[in-house]
Amino acid sequence: MRGYKAIAEWAKDLGPKARERFGYRSIAKRYIVPSESIIQDVLVRSLSILLCSGGMQPSVRKIKVSD
């Protein structure tokens, strides 16, 4: 999926069993789909944690500088 809106739409299209497996919040036996802003927040925070903890090493491009 590309973009938070597309991911949010995909999440809304999931059936009840898939929503349960993903751990969606449940109210009166109905699984509530997180909003686009919540999905964005979770993904941004997760990426930040991975980068800060060294879980994902950002690629570093070495550039040769002439004297």
C-alpha atoms as a PDB file:
ATOM      1  CA  MET A   1       0.000   0.000   0.000  1.00  0.00           C
ATOM      2  CA  ARG A   2       1.170   3.512  -0.693  1.00  0.00           C
ATOM      3  CA  GLY A   3       0.282   6.231   1.742  1.00  0.00           C
ATOM      4  CA  TYR A   4      -1.537   6.322   5.018  1.00  0.00           C
ATOM      5  CA  LYS A   5      -4.939   6.802   3.393  1.00  0.00           C
ATOM      6  CA  ALA A   6      -4.532   3.624   1.321  1.00  0.00           C
ATOM      7  CA  ILE A   7      -3.415   1.680   4.396  1.00  0.00           C
ATOM      8  CA  ALA A   8      -6.421   2.984   6.364  1.00  0.00           C
ATOM      9  CA  GLU A   9      -8.775   1.931   3.550  1.00  0.00           C
ATOM     10  CA  TRP A  10      -7.158  -1.521   3.474  1.00  0.00           C
ATOM     11  CA  ALA A  11      -7.608  -1.810   7.250  1.00  0.00           C
ATOM     12  CA  LYS A  12     -11.304  -0.924   6.939  1.00  0.00           C
ATOM     13  CA  ASP A  13     -11.811  -3.643   4.326  1.00  0.00           C
ATOM     14  CA  LEU A  14     -10.543  -6.426   6.601  1.00  0.00           C
ATOM     15  CA  GLY A  15     -13.055  -8.958   7.837  1.00  0.00           C
ATOM     16  CA  PRO A  16     -13.805  -9.647  11.528  1.00  0.00           C
ATOM     17  CA  LYS A  17     -11.346 -12.557  11.821  1.00  0.00           C
ATOM     18  CA  ALA A  18      -8.479 -10.510  10.356  1.00  0.00           C
ATOM     19  CA  ARG A  19      -9.351  -7.543  12.591  1.00  0.00           C
ATOM     20  CA  GLU A  20      -9.184  -9.851  15.586  1.00  0.00           C
ATOM     21  CA  ARG A  21      -5.779 -11.230  14.501  1.00  0.00           C
ATOM     22  CA  PHE A  22      -4.407  -7.693  14.110  1.00  0.00           C
ATOM     23  CA  GLY A  23      -5.586  -6.900  17.629  1.00  0.00           C
ATOM     24  CA  TYR A  24      -8.111  -4.202  16.800  1.00  0.00           C
ATOM     25  CA  ARG A  25      -9.871  -2.712  19.801  1.00  0.00           C
ATOM     26  CA  SER A  26     -13.179  -4.438  20.515  1.00  0.00           C
ATOM     27  CA  ILE A  27     -16.377  -2.773  21.713  1.00  0.00           C
ATOM     28  CA  ALA A  28     -19.506  -4.912  22.127  1.00  0.00           C
ATOM     29  CA  LYS A  29     -17.902  -7.700  20.067  1.00  0.00           C
ATOM     30  CA  ARG A  30     -17.234  -5.336  17.127  1.00  0.00           C
ATOM     31  CA  TYR A  31     -13.658  -4.562  16.135  1.00  0.00           C
ATOM     32  CA  ILE A  32     -12.990  -0.854  15.739  1.00  0.00           C
ATOM     33  CA  VAL A  33     -10.734   0.184  12.851  1.00  0.00           C
ATOM     34  CA  PRO A  34      -8.081   2.758  13.798  1.00  0.00           C
ATOM     35  CA  SER A  35      -8.298   6.097  12.007  1.00  0.00           C
ATOM     36  CA  GLU A  36      -5.846   7.193   9.333  1.00  0.00           C
ATOM     37  CA  SER A  37      -4.147   9.565  11.796  1.00  0.00           C
ATOM     38  CA  ILE A  38      -3.659   6.753  14.341  1.00  0.00           C
ATOM     39  CA  ILE A  39      -2.187   4.480  11.659  1.00  0.00           C
ATOM     40  CA  GLN A  40       0.171   7.264  10.588  1.00  0.00           C
ATOM     41  CA  ASP A  41       1.209   7.967  14.187  1.00  0.00           C
ATOM     42  CA  VAL A  42       1.949   4.302  14.906  1.00  0.00           C
ATOM     43  CA  LEU A  43       4.004   3.855  11.732  1.00  0.00           C
ATOM     44  CA  VAL A  44       6.015   7.046  12.281  1.00  0.00           C
ATOM     45  CA  ARG A  45       6.723   6.159  15.908  1.00  0.00           C
ATOM     46  CA  SER A  46       7.659   2.577  15.010  1.00  0.00           C
ATOM     47  CA  LEU A  47      10.095   3.710  12.353  1.00  0.00           C
ATOM     48  CA  SER A  48      11.636   6.233  14.768  1.00  0.00           C
ATOM     49  CA  ILE A  49      12.117   3.542  17.409  1.00  0.00           C
ATOM     50  CA  LEU A  50      13.690   1.165  14.887  1.00  0.00           C
ATOM     51  CA  LEU A  51      16.079   3.810  13.623  1.00  0.00           C
ATOM     52  CA  CYS A  52      17.074   4.990  17.113  1.00  0.00           C
ATOM     53  CA  SER A  53      17.592   1.472  18.442  1.00  0.00           C
ATOM     54  CA  GLY A  54      19.734   0.405  15.522  1.00  0.00           C
ATOM     55  CA  GLY A  55      17.119  -2.076  14.342  1.00  0.00           C
ATOM     56  CA  MET A  56      17.264  -0.554  10.881  1.00  0.00           C
ATOM     57  CA  GLN A  57      20.443   1.040   9.707  1.00  0.00           C
ATOM     58  CA  PRO A  58      19.769   3.922   7.327  1.00  0.00           C
ATOM     59  CA  SER A  59      21.924   3.669   4.256  1.00  0.00           C
ATOM     60  CA  VAL A  60      24.773   6.138   4.280  1.00  0.00           C
ATOM     61  CA  ARG A  61      26.230   7.179   0.987  1.00  0.00           C
ATOM     62  CA  LYS A  62      29.914   8.028   1.148  1.00  0.00           C
ATOM     63  CA  ILE A  63      30.912  10.906  -1.060  1.00  0.00           C
ATOM     64  CA  LYS A  64      34.526  11.523  -1.925  1.00  0.00           C
ATOM     65  CA  VAL A  65      35.401  15.185  -1.525  1.00  0.00           C
ATOM     66  CA  SER A  66      38.348  16.466  -3.506  1.00  0.00           C
ATOM     67  CA  ASP A  67      40.948  18.656  -1.752  1.00  0.00           C
END
